[in-house]
Amino acid sequence: MTEQVVGSPGPAQKQPDRSLVLGLATATIVLSLLLKVVTGGWGLLIFGIPYLFICGIHFLVHSLSARSLLKRGWLALAIMSISDVLLLGAFLLQLDAGDGPQWLTITALTGGGPGYAAAEPPVWWAGSMSLAVFIPVLMSWTLMVILARRGENRAVRVSALVLAAGLGCVVIGLLVAVMTSHTHAQPAY
């Protein structure tokens, strides 16, 4: 008896399409960069090239992994989609500054714009966090490459759990950043 591959399409299911995966990755990259540009300050000027490099790697990993991973079915599409969400979350949690107070991309979007007191990040937010939020993205790339090369059932399950944990951390970070940034905003007189 043959073993059913976890997440692989059954006889009646259709495999996800490579163009769908690359379209989602492209849309995520464009949205991430657009939101960063809209709320950008000095950080965008300094880190603009590295941001483009990160987005290029993201597309490259998705492009090279898609063909092998999509043979595994919809679970592979979910793993690749989580990688997209992690990239968007990392861009939303980037610290930036201008001539006034600092802000995160997400707090600038929800707190009146860059430089406003309501957009300031939580007081405990360190500048090094801007680098740390890319760790789950790097993990997702690594797991996708491993899955594309090996693709064992256990690896798929572990990858899904690790990426779900990384996604949970990024979502919690976004929520905490938004909720705590508005609590120390200056009242309007």
N, C-alpha and C. Protein backbone atom coordinates (compact mmCIF):
# COMPACT_ATOMS: atom_id res chain seq x y z
N MET A 1 0.84 -1.18 0.00
CA MET A 1 0.00 0.00 0.00
C MET A 1 0.89 1.24 0.00
N THR A 2 0.57 2.21 -0.83
CA THR A 2 1.39 3.41 -0.91
C THR A 2 0.94 4.43 0.13
N GLU A 3 1.91 5.21 0.58
CA GLU A 3 1.63 6.22 1.60
C GLU A 3 1.16 7.50 0.92
N GLN A 4 0.07 8.08 1.42
CA GLN A 4 -0.43 9.35 0.91
C GLN A 4 0.49 10.46 1.41
N VAL A 5 0.99 11.29 0.51
CA VAL A 5 1.87 12.39 0.89
C VAL A 5 1.03 13.47 1.56
N VAL A 6 1.52 13.97 2.70
CA VAL A 6 0.79 15.00 3.44
C VAL A 6 0.60 16.21 2.55
N GLY A 7 -0.65 16.66 2.45
CA GLY A 7 -0.96 17.85 1.68
C GLY A 7 -0.95 17.65 0.18
N SER A 8 -0.71 16.43 -0.29
CA SER A 8 -0.69 16.23 -1.73
C SER A 8 -2.11 16.09 -2.25
N PRO A 9 -2.32 16.50 -3.47
CA PRO A 9 -3.67 16.45 -4.00
C PRO A 9 -4.12 15.01 -4.22
N GLY A 10 -5.35 14.75 -3.90
CA GLY A 10 -5.94 13.45 -4.16
C GLY A 10 -6.33 13.36 -5.62
N PRO A 11 -7.00 12.28 -6.01
CA PRO A 11 -7.34 12.13 -7.41
C PRO A 11 -8.27 13.21 -7.94
N ALA A 12 -9.15 13.76 -7.06
CA ALA A 12 -10.12 14.75 -7.52
C ALA A 12 -9.62 16.18 -7.32
N GLN A 13 -8.49 16.37 -6.62
CA GLN A 13 -8.00 17.70 -6.35
C GLN A 13 -7.03 18.15 -7.44
N LYS A 14 -7.04 19.45 -7.70
CA LYS A 14 -6.13 20.03 -8.66
C LYS A 14 -4.95 20.65 -7.90
N GLN A 15 -3.74 20.49 -8.43
CA GLN A 15 -2.55 21.09 -7.81
C GLN A 15 -2.60 22.60 -7.96
N PRO A 16 -2.09 23.32 -6.96
CA PRO A 16 -1.98 24.77 -7.11
C PRO A 16 -1.03 25.11 -8.25
N ASP A 17 -1.26 26.23 -8.87
CA ASP A 17 -0.50 26.64 -10.03
C ASP A 17 0.72 27.48 -9.63
N ARG A 18 1.84 27.31 -10.31
CA ARG A 18 3.06 28.06 -10.04
C ARG A 18 2.84 29.56 -10.24
N SER A 19 2.04 29.92 -11.22
CA SER A 19 1.80 31.35 -11.47
C SER A 19 1.04 31.99 -10.30
N LEU A 20 0.20 31.21 -9.62
CA LEU A 20 -0.50 31.72 -8.44
C LEU A 20 0.50 32.05 -7.33
N VAL A 21 1.44 31.14 -7.10
CA VAL A 21 2.45 31.34 -6.06
C VAL A 21 3.32 32.56 -6.38
N LEU A 22 3.76 32.65 -7.61
CA LEU A 22 4.62 33.78 -7.99
C LEU A 22 3.84 35.08 -8.02
N GLY A 23 2.56 35.01 -8.37
CA GLY A 23 1.71 36.20 -8.31
C GLY A 23 1.52 36.70 -6.89
N LEU A 24 1.31 35.76 -5.95
CA LEU A 24 1.19 36.14 -4.54
C LEU A 24 2.50 36.72 -4.00
N ALA A 25 3.61 36.12 -4.36
CA ALA A 25 4.92 36.63 -3.92
C ALA A 25 5.16 38.03 -4.49
N THR A 26 4.84 38.23 -5.75
CA THR A 26 5.02 39.54 -6.38
C THR A 26 4.11 40.58 -5.72
N ALA A 27 2.85 40.23 -5.50
CA ALA A 27 1.92 41.16 -4.86
C ALA A 27 2.40 41.52 -3.45
N THR A 28 2.92 40.55 -2.73
CA THR A 28 3.43 40.80 -1.37
C THR A 28 4.63 41.74 -1.42
N ILE A 29 5.53 41.51 -2.35
CA ILE A 29 6.71 42.37 -2.49
C ILE A 29 6.30 43.79 -2.83
N VAL A 30 5.39 43.95 -3.79
CA VAL A 30 4.95 45.28 -4.20
C VAL A 30 4.25 45.99 -3.03
N LEU A 31 3.37 45.29 -2.32
CA LEU A 31 2.66 45.90 -1.19
C LEU A 31 3.64 46.27 -0.08
N SER A 32 4.59 45.39 0.23
CA SER A 32 5.58 45.66 1.28
C SER A 32 6.39 46.91 0.95
N LEU A 33 6.88 46.99 -0.27
CA LEU A 33 7.69 48.15 -0.67
C LEU A 33 6.85 49.42 -0.75
N LEU A 34 5.63 49.30 -1.24
CA LEU A 34 4.74 50.46 -1.32
C LEU A 34 4.45 51.04 0.06
N LEU A 35 4.12 50.17 1.03
CA LEU A 35 3.84 50.65 2.38
C LEU A 35 5.09 51.27 3.01
N LYS A 36 6.25 50.71 2.72
CA LYS A 36 7.49 51.27 3.25
C LYS A 36 7.78 52.63 2.63
N VAL A 37 7.53 52.78 1.33
CA VAL A 37 7.76 54.06 0.66
C VAL A 37 6.79 55.12 1.17
N VAL A 38 5.53 54.74 1.34
CA VAL A 38 4.50 55.68 1.81
C VAL A 38 4.84 56.23 3.20
N THR A 39 5.43 55.39 4.04
CA THR A 39 5.72 55.79 5.42
C THR A 39 7.21 56.00 5.65
N GLY A 40 8.00 56.04 4.61
CA GLY A 40 9.45 56.05 4.73
C GLY A 40 10.04 57.35 5.25
N GLY A 41 11.18 57.22 5.88
CA GLY A 41 11.97 58.34 6.37
C GLY A 41 13.42 58.09 6.03
N TRP A 42 14.30 58.43 6.96
CA TRP A 42 15.73 58.22 6.74
C TRP A 42 16.07 56.74 6.57
N GLY A 43 15.35 55.88 7.26
CA GLY A 43 15.61 54.44 7.14
C GLY A 43 15.42 53.93 5.73
N LEU A 44 14.45 54.48 5.03
CA LEU A 44 14.22 54.07 3.65
C LEU A 44 15.39 54.49 2.77
N LEU A 45 15.90 55.68 3.01
CA LEU A 45 17.05 56.14 2.23
C LEU A 45 18.29 55.29 2.51
N ILE A 46 18.46 54.90 3.76
CA ILE A 46 19.65 54.13 4.15
C ILE A 46 19.53 52.67 3.75
N PHE A 47 18.34 52.09 3.98
CA PHE A 47 18.16 50.65 3.79
C PHE A 47 17.37 50.30 2.53
N GLY A 48 17.17 51.24 1.63
CA GLY A 48 16.39 50.98 0.42
C GLY A 48 16.95 49.85 -0.42
N ILE A 49 18.27 49.86 -0.64
CA ILE A 49 18.90 48.80 -1.45
C ILE A 49 18.80 47.45 -0.74
N PRO A 50 19.11 47.35 0.56
CA PRO A 50 18.91 46.06 1.23
C PRO A 50 17.46 45.57 1.19
N TYR A 51 16.48 46.50 1.28
CA TYR A 51 15.07 46.09 1.17
C TYR A 51 14.80 45.47 -0.20
N LEU A 52 15.34 46.08 -1.25
CA LEU A 52 15.17 45.51 -2.59
C LEU A 52 15.85 44.16 -2.71
N PHE A 53 17.02 44.01 -2.09
CA PHE A 53 17.75 42.75 -2.09
C PHE A 53 16.93 41.66 -1.39
N ILE A 54 16.35 41.99 -0.25
CA ILE A 54 15.51 41.03 0.49
C ILE A 54 14.32 40.60 -0.37
N CYS A 55 13.69 41.55 -1.03
CA CYS A 55 12.55 41.23 -1.89
C CYS A 55 12.98 40.37 -3.07
N GLY A 56 14.16 40.63 -3.62
CA GLY A 56 14.68 39.81 -4.71
C GLY A 56 14.92 38.37 -4.27
N ILE A 57 15.50 38.21 -3.08
CA ILE A 57 15.72 36.86 -2.55
C ILE A 57 14.38 36.17 -2.33
N HIS A 58 13.41 36.89 -1.80
CA HIS A 58 12.08 36.31 -1.56
C HIS A 58 11.50 35.76 -2.87
N PHE A 59 11.54 36.56 -3.92
CA PHE A 59 11.00 36.11 -5.20
C PHE A 59 11.80 34.93 -5.74
N LEU A 60 13.11 35.00 -5.63
CA LEU A 60 13.97 33.92 -6.13
C LEU A 60 13.70 32.60 -5.42
N VAL A 61 13.58 32.63 -4.10
CA VAL A 61 13.30 31.41 -3.34
C VAL A 61 11.94 30.84 -3.73
N HIS A 62 10.94 31.70 -3.86
CA HIS A 62 9.61 31.23 -4.27
C HIS A 62 9.65 30.66 -5.68
N SER A 63 10.34 31.35 -6.56
CA SER A 63 10.40 30.91 -7.95
C SER A 63 11.10 29.56 -8.08
N LEU A 64 12.24 29.40 -7.40
CA LEU A 64 13.00 28.16 -7.51
C LEU A 64 12.36 27.00 -6.76
N SER A 65 11.63 27.30 -5.69
CA SER A 65 11.02 26.24 -4.88
C SER A 65 9.64 25.83 -5.38
N ALA A 66 9.00 26.70 -6.12
CA ALA A 66 7.59 26.49 -6.48
C ALA A 66 7.34 25.16 -7.19
N ARG A 67 8.12 24.87 -8.20
CA ARG A 67 7.86 23.67 -9.01
C ARG A 67 7.90 22.41 -8.15
N SER A 68 8.93 22.27 -7.32
CA SER A 68 9.06 21.07 -6.48
C SER A 68 8.02 21.05 -5.37
N LEU A 69 7.82 22.21 -4.74
CA LEU A 69 6.90 22.25 -3.59
C LEU A 69 5.45 22.03 -4.00
N LEU A 70 5.06 22.59 -5.13
CA LEU A 70 3.65 22.51 -5.50
C LEU A 70 3.21 21.09 -5.85
N LYS A 71 4.14 20.19 -6.07
CA LYS A 71 3.79 18.78 -6.25
C LYS A 71 3.19 18.22 -4.97
N ARG A 72 3.45 18.88 -3.86
CA ARG A 72 2.96 18.45 -2.55
C ARG A 72 1.54 18.94 -2.30
N GLY A 73 1.02 19.81 -3.15
CA GLY A 73 -0.37 20.22 -3.03
C GLY A 73 -0.59 21.51 -2.26
N TRP A 74 -1.77 21.60 -1.68
CA TRP A 74 -2.22 22.84 -1.07
C TRP A 74 -1.48 23.18 0.22
N LEU A 75 -0.94 22.19 0.92
CA LEU A 75 -0.15 22.49 2.12
C LEU A 75 1.10 23.28 1.74
N ALA A 76 1.71 22.96 0.62
CA ALA A 76 2.87 23.71 0.14
C ALA A 76 2.48 25.14 -0.20
N LEU A 77 1.30 25.32 -0.79
CA LEU A 77 0.82 26.67 -1.09
C LEU A 77 0.62 27.44 0.21
N ALA A 78 0.12 26.78 1.25
CA ALA A 78 -0.05 27.43 2.54
C ALA A 78 1.29 27.85 3.12
N ILE A 79 2.30 26.99 3.03
CA ILE A 79 3.62 27.30 3.54
C ILE A 79 4.21 28.50 2.80
N MET A 80 4.06 28.53 1.49
CA MET A 80 4.58 29.64 0.70
C MET A 80 3.81 30.93 0.99
N SER A 81 2.51 30.81 1.25
CA SER A 81 1.71 31.99 1.58
C SER A 81 2.09 32.54 2.95
N ILE A 82 2.38 31.66 3.90
CA ILE A 82 2.83 32.12 5.22
C ILE A 82 4.15 32.88 5.07
N SER A 83 5.02 32.42 4.20
CA SER A 83 6.28 33.13 3.94
C SER A 83 5.99 34.54 3.43
N ASP A 84 4.99 34.68 2.57
CA ASP A 84 4.60 36.01 2.07
C ASP A 84 4.11 36.90 3.20
N VAL A 85 3.27 36.35 4.07
CA VAL A 85 2.74 37.12 5.20
C VAL A 85 3.86 37.53 6.15
N LEU A 86 4.82 36.63 6.35
CA LEU A 86 5.96 36.95 7.21
C LEU A 86 6.78 38.11 6.63
N LEU A 87 6.96 38.12 5.31
CA LEU A 87 7.70 39.22 4.67
C LEU A 87 6.94 40.54 4.86
N LEU A 88 5.64 40.53 4.62
CA LEU A 88 4.84 41.74 4.80
C LEU A 88 4.90 42.21 6.26
N GLY A 89 4.78 41.27 7.19
CA GLY A 89 4.86 41.61 8.62
C GLY A 89 6.20 42.22 8.98
N ALA A 90 7.28 41.69 8.43
CA ALA A 90 8.62 42.23 8.71
C ALA A 90 8.73 43.67 8.20
N PHE A 91 8.18 43.95 7.05
CA PHE A 91 8.21 45.32 6.54
C PHE A 91 7.34 46.24 7.38
N LEU A 92 6.23 45.75 7.87
CA LEU A 92 5.35 46.58 8.71
C LEU A 92 5.98 46.90 10.06
N LEU A 93 6.93 46.08 10.50
CA LEU A 93 7.57 46.29 11.80
C LEU A 93 8.94 46.97 11.68
N GLN A 94 9.21 47.61 10.55
CA GLN A 94 10.47 48.32 10.38
C GLN A 94 10.43 49.69 11.07
N LEU A 95 11.47 49.98 11.84
CA LEU A 95 11.61 51.26 12.53
C LEU A 95 12.16 52.28 11.54
N ASP A 96 11.61 53.48 11.60
CA ASP A 96 12.08 54.55 10.72
C ASP A 96 12.06 55.85 11.51
N ALA A 97 12.71 56.85 10.98
CA ALA A 97 12.76 58.16 11.64
C ALA A 97 12.90 59.25 10.60
N GLY A 98 12.50 60.42 11.01
CA GLY A 98 12.67 61.61 10.18
C GLY A 98 13.21 62.72 11.06
N ASP A 99 12.67 63.90 10.89
CA ASP A 99 13.11 65.01 11.71
C ASP A 99 12.39 65.06 13.06
N GLY A 100 11.33 64.27 13.21
CA GLY A 100 10.58 64.23 14.47
C GLY A 100 10.74 62.88 15.14
N PRO A 101 9.69 62.44 15.82
CA PRO A 101 9.76 61.14 16.53
C PRO A 101 9.89 59.97 15.56
N GLN A 102 10.40 58.85 16.08
CA GLN A 102 10.51 57.62 15.29
C GLN A 102 9.14 56.98 15.13
N TRP A 103 9.04 56.03 14.19
CA TRP A 103 7.80 55.30 13.97
C TRP A 103 8.12 53.94 13.37
N LEU A 104 7.15 53.05 13.46
CA LEU A 104 7.16 51.79 12.73
C LEU A 104 6.26 51.99 11.52
N THR A 105 6.45 51.21 10.49
CA THR A 105 5.57 51.33 9.32
C THR A 105 4.12 51.14 9.72
N ILE A 106 3.83 50.12 10.53
CA ILE A 106 2.45 49.84 10.94
C ILE A 106 1.88 50.95 11.81
N THR A 107 2.69 51.53 12.71
CA THR A 107 2.17 52.59 13.58
C THR A 107 1.99 53.89 12.80
N ALA A 108 2.81 54.11 11.78
CA ALA A 108 2.61 55.29 10.93
C ALA A 108 1.31 55.16 10.14
N LEU A 109 1.01 53.95 9.71
CA LEU A 109 -0.23 53.72 8.96
C LEU A 109 -1.47 53.86 9.83
N THR A 110 -1.35 53.49 11.09
CA THR A 110 -2.51 53.52 11.99
C THR A 110 -2.52 54.71 12.93
N GLY A 111 -1.42 55.47 13.00
CA GLY A 111 -1.31 56.54 13.98
C GLY A 111 -1.16 57.93 13.42
N GLY A 112 -1.69 58.19 12.25
CA GLY A 112 -1.69 59.54 11.72
C GLY A 112 -0.59 59.85 10.73
N GLY A 113 0.39 58.98 10.61
CA GLY A 113 1.45 59.19 9.64
C GLY A 113 2.81 59.26 10.30
N PRO A 114 3.84 59.24 9.48
CA PRO A 114 5.21 59.28 10.01
C PRO A 114 5.48 60.57 10.78
N GLY A 115 6.15 60.46 11.91
CA GLY A 115 6.54 61.62 12.67
C GLY A 115 5.52 62.11 13.68
N TYR A 116 4.31 61.60 13.65
CA TYR A 116 3.29 61.99 14.62
C TYR A 116 3.51 61.24 15.92
N ALA A 117 3.13 61.86 17.02
CA ALA A 117 3.31 61.24 18.33
C ALA A 117 2.54 59.92 18.43
N ALA A 118 1.38 59.87 17.79
CA ALA A 118 0.57 58.64 17.84
C ALA A 118 1.21 57.50 17.05
N ALA A 119 2.19 57.82 16.22
CA ALA A 119 2.85 56.78 15.41
C ALA A 119 4.14 56.28 16.05
N GLU A 120 4.51 56.84 17.21
CA GLU A 120 5.75 56.39 17.85
C GLU A 120 5.63 54.91 18.24
N PRO A 121 6.72 54.18 18.10
CA PRO A 121 6.69 52.77 18.50
C PRO A 121 6.63 52.66 20.02
N PRO A 122 6.34 51.48 20.53
CA PRO A 122 6.36 51.29 21.98
C PRO A 122 7.75 51.66 22.52
N VAL A 123 7.81 52.12 23.75
CA VAL A 123 9.08 52.59 24.31
C VAL A 123 10.13 51.48 24.40
N TRP A 124 9.69 50.24 24.49
CA TRP A 124 10.63 49.12 24.60
C TRP A 124 11.15 48.65 23.24
N TRP A 125 10.64 49.21 22.15
CA TRP A 125 11.04 48.76 20.81
C TRP A 125 12.44 49.25 20.50
N ALA A 126 13.35 48.35 20.31
CA ALA A 126 14.74 48.70 19.99
C ALA A 126 14.96 48.68 18.48
N GLY A 127 15.92 49.46 18.04
CA GLY A 127 16.22 49.51 16.62
C GLY A 127 16.65 48.18 16.05
N SER A 128 17.27 47.34 16.90
CA SER A 128 17.72 46.02 16.43
C SER A 128 16.55 45.09 16.12
N MET A 129 15.36 45.43 16.62
CA MET A 129 14.17 44.61 16.32
C MET A 129 13.86 44.65 14.83
N SER A 130 14.24 45.72 14.15
CA SER A 130 13.99 45.81 12.71
C SER A 130 14.71 44.70 11.95
N LEU A 131 15.85 44.30 12.45
CA LEU A 131 16.57 43.17 11.84
C LEU A 131 15.97 41.84 12.30
N ALA A 132 15.64 41.75 13.58
CA ALA A 132 15.13 40.50 14.15
C ALA A 132 13.82 40.05 13.51
N VAL A 133 12.98 40.98 13.06
CA VAL A 133 11.69 40.58 12.49
C VAL A 133 11.84 39.89 11.14
N PHE A 134 13.05 39.94 10.56
CA PHE A 134 13.29 39.21 9.31
C PHE A 134 13.72 37.77 9.56
N ILE A 135 13.98 37.40 10.82
CA ILE A 135 14.39 36.03 11.13
C ILE A 135 13.32 35.01 10.73
N PRO A 136 12.03 35.22 11.05
CA PRO A 136 11.03 34.25 10.58
C PRO A 136 10.96 34.16 9.05
N VAL A 137 11.22 35.25 8.35
CA VAL A 137 11.23 35.22 6.88
C VAL A 137 12.39 34.35 6.41
N LEU A 138 13.56 34.54 7.00
CA LEU A 138 14.72 33.72 6.66
C LEU A 138 14.45 32.25 6.96
N MET A 139 13.79 31.98 8.09
CA MET A 139 13.41 30.59 8.41
C MET A 139 12.49 30.01 7.35
N SER A 140 11.53 30.81 6.89
CA SER A 140 10.59 30.31 5.88
C SER A 140 11.32 29.99 4.58
N TRP A 141 12.27 30.82 4.19
CA TRP A 141 13.05 30.55 2.97
C TRP A 141 13.83 29.26 3.13
N THR A 142 14.48 29.10 4.28
CA THR A 142 15.28 27.90 4.53
C THR A 142 14.41 26.65 4.48
N LEU A 143 13.26 26.71 5.12
CA LEU A 143 12.36 25.55 5.14
C LEU A 143 11.83 25.25 3.74
N MET A 144 11.54 26.28 2.95
CA MET A 144 11.05 26.04 1.60
C MET A 144 12.11 25.37 0.74
N VAL A 145 13.36 25.79 0.88
CA VAL A 145 14.45 25.18 0.11
C VAL A 145 14.64 23.72 0.54
N ILE A 146 14.62 23.47 1.85
CA ILE A 146 14.76 22.10 2.35
C ILE A 146 13.61 21.23 1.84
N LEU A 147 12.40 21.74 1.92
CA LEU A 147 11.24 20.97 1.44
C LEU A 147 11.32 20.71 -0.05
N ALA A 148 11.78 21.69 -0.80
CA ALA A 148 11.88 21.52 -2.25
C ALA A 148 12.91 20.45 -2.60
N ARG A 149 13.94 20.32 -1.78
CA ARG A 149 14.99 19.33 -2.05
C ARG A 149 14.64 17.95 -1.49
N ARG A 150 14.03 17.91 -0.31
CA ARG A 150 13.79 16.62 0.35
C ARG A 150 12.32 16.22 0.31
N GLY A 151 11.44 17.12 0.78
CA GLY A 151 10.01 16.91 0.69
C GLY A 151 9.45 15.73 1.46
N GLU A 152 10.05 15.35 2.57
CA GLU A 152 9.53 14.24 3.35
C GLU A 152 8.30 14.68 4.14
N ASN A 153 7.44 13.73 4.46
CA ASN A 153 6.22 14.04 5.21
C ASN A 153 6.52 14.73 6.54
N ARG A 154 7.51 14.22 7.26
CA ARG A 154 7.85 14.80 8.56
C ARG A 154 8.34 16.23 8.38
N ALA A 155 9.12 16.48 7.35
CA ALA A 155 9.63 17.83 7.11
C ALA A 155 8.49 18.79 6.80
N VAL A 156 7.50 18.33 6.07
CA VAL A 156 6.34 19.18 5.76
C VAL A 156 5.60 19.55 7.03
N ARG A 157 5.36 18.58 7.90
CA ARG A 157 4.65 18.84 9.15
C ARG A 157 5.43 19.80 10.04
N VAL A 158 6.72 19.55 10.19
CA VAL A 158 7.55 20.41 11.04
C VAL A 158 7.61 21.82 10.45
N SER A 159 7.75 21.93 9.15
CA SER A 159 7.80 23.24 8.51
C SER A 159 6.51 24.01 8.74
N ALA A 160 5.40 23.35 8.60
CA ALA A 160 4.12 24.00 8.82
C ALA A 160 4.01 24.51 10.26
N LEU A 161 4.45 23.72 11.22
CA LEU A 161 4.40 24.14 12.62
C LEU A 161 5.34 25.30 12.90
N VAL A 162 6.56 25.23 12.38
CA VAL A 162 7.54 26.29 12.61
C VAL A 162 7.06 27.60 11.99
N LEU A 163 6.55 27.53 10.77
CA LEU A 163 6.07 28.73 10.11
C LEU A 163 4.83 29.29 10.80
N ALA A 164 3.96 28.43 11.29
CA ALA A 164 2.80 28.90 12.04
C ALA A 164 3.24 29.63 13.31
N ALA A 165 4.25 29.11 13.98
CA ALA A 165 4.78 29.77 15.18
C ALA A 165 5.39 31.12 14.82
N GLY A 166 6.16 31.17 13.74
CA GLY A 166 6.74 32.44 13.29
C GLY A 166 5.66 33.44 12.91
N LEU A 167 4.62 32.97 12.24
CA LEU A 167 3.51 33.83 11.87
C LEU A 167 2.82 34.37 13.12
N GLY A 168 2.62 33.50 14.10
CA GLY A 168 2.01 33.94 15.36
C GLY A 168 2.83 35.02 16.03
N CYS A 169 4.14 34.88 16.04
CA CYS A 169 5.02 35.89 16.65
C CYS A 169 4.91 37.23 15.93
N VAL A 170 4.90 37.20 14.61
CA VAL A 170 4.81 38.44 13.84
C VAL A 170 3.45 39.11 14.05
N VAL A 171 2.38 38.34 14.05
CA VAL A 171 1.04 38.91 14.28
C VAL A 171 0.95 39.52 15.67
N ILE A 172 1.46 38.81 16.67
CA ILE A 172 1.46 39.35 18.03
C ILE A 172 2.30 40.63 18.09
N GLY A 173 3.46 40.63 17.42
CA GLY A 173 4.28 41.84 17.37
C GLY A 173 3.55 43.01 16.74
N LEU A 174 2.83 42.76 15.66
CA LEU A 174 2.06 43.83 15.02
C LEU A 174 0.97 44.37 15.94
N LEU A 175 0.24 43.46 16.57
CA LEU A 175 -0.83 43.88 17.47
C LEU A 175 -0.30 44.67 18.67
N VAL A 176 0.76 44.17 19.27
CA VAL A 176 1.34 44.85 20.43
C VAL A 176 1.87 46.22 20.02
N ALA A 177 2.54 46.30 18.89
CA ALA A 177 3.08 47.58 18.43
C ALA A 177 1.97 48.60 18.21
N VAL A 178 0.88 48.19 17.59
CA VAL A 178 -0.22 49.11 17.32
C VAL A 178 -0.92 49.50 18.61
N MET A 179 -1.20 48.52 19.46
CA MET A 179 -1.95 48.83 20.70
C MET A 179 -1.13 49.67 21.68
N THR A 180 0.16 49.43 21.79
CA THR A 180 0.94 50.18 22.76
C THR A 180 1.43 51.52 22.22
N SER A 181 1.48 51.68 20.91
CA SER A 181 1.95 52.96 20.37
C SER A 181 0.92 54.06 20.61
N HIS A 182 -0.34 53.74 20.61
CA HIS A 182 -1.38 54.75 20.80
C HIS A 182 -1.58 55.10 22.26
N THR A 183 -1.04 54.32 23.18
CA THR A 183 -1.26 54.59 24.59
C THR A 183 -0.38 55.72 25.11
N HIS A 184 0.72 56.04 24.43
CA HIS A 184 1.57 57.13 24.89
C HIS A 184 1.52 58.35 23.96
N ALA A 185 0.48 58.42 23.13
CA ALA A 185 0.34 59.53 22.22
C ALA A 185 0.01 60.81 23.01
N GLN A 186 0.49 61.93 22.51
CA GLN A 186 0.24 63.23 23.15
C GLN A 186 -1.19 63.67 22.89
N PRO A 187 -1.89 64.13 23.91
CA PRO A 187 -3.25 64.63 23.66
C PRO A 187 -3.21 65.95 22.90
N ALA A 188 -4.17 66.15 22.06
CA ALA A 188 -4.27 67.42 21.30
C ALA A 188 -4.88 68.48 22.19
N TYR A 189 -4.31 69.68 22.21
CA TYR A 189 -4.83 70.77 23.04
C TYR A 189 -5.56 71.77 22.20
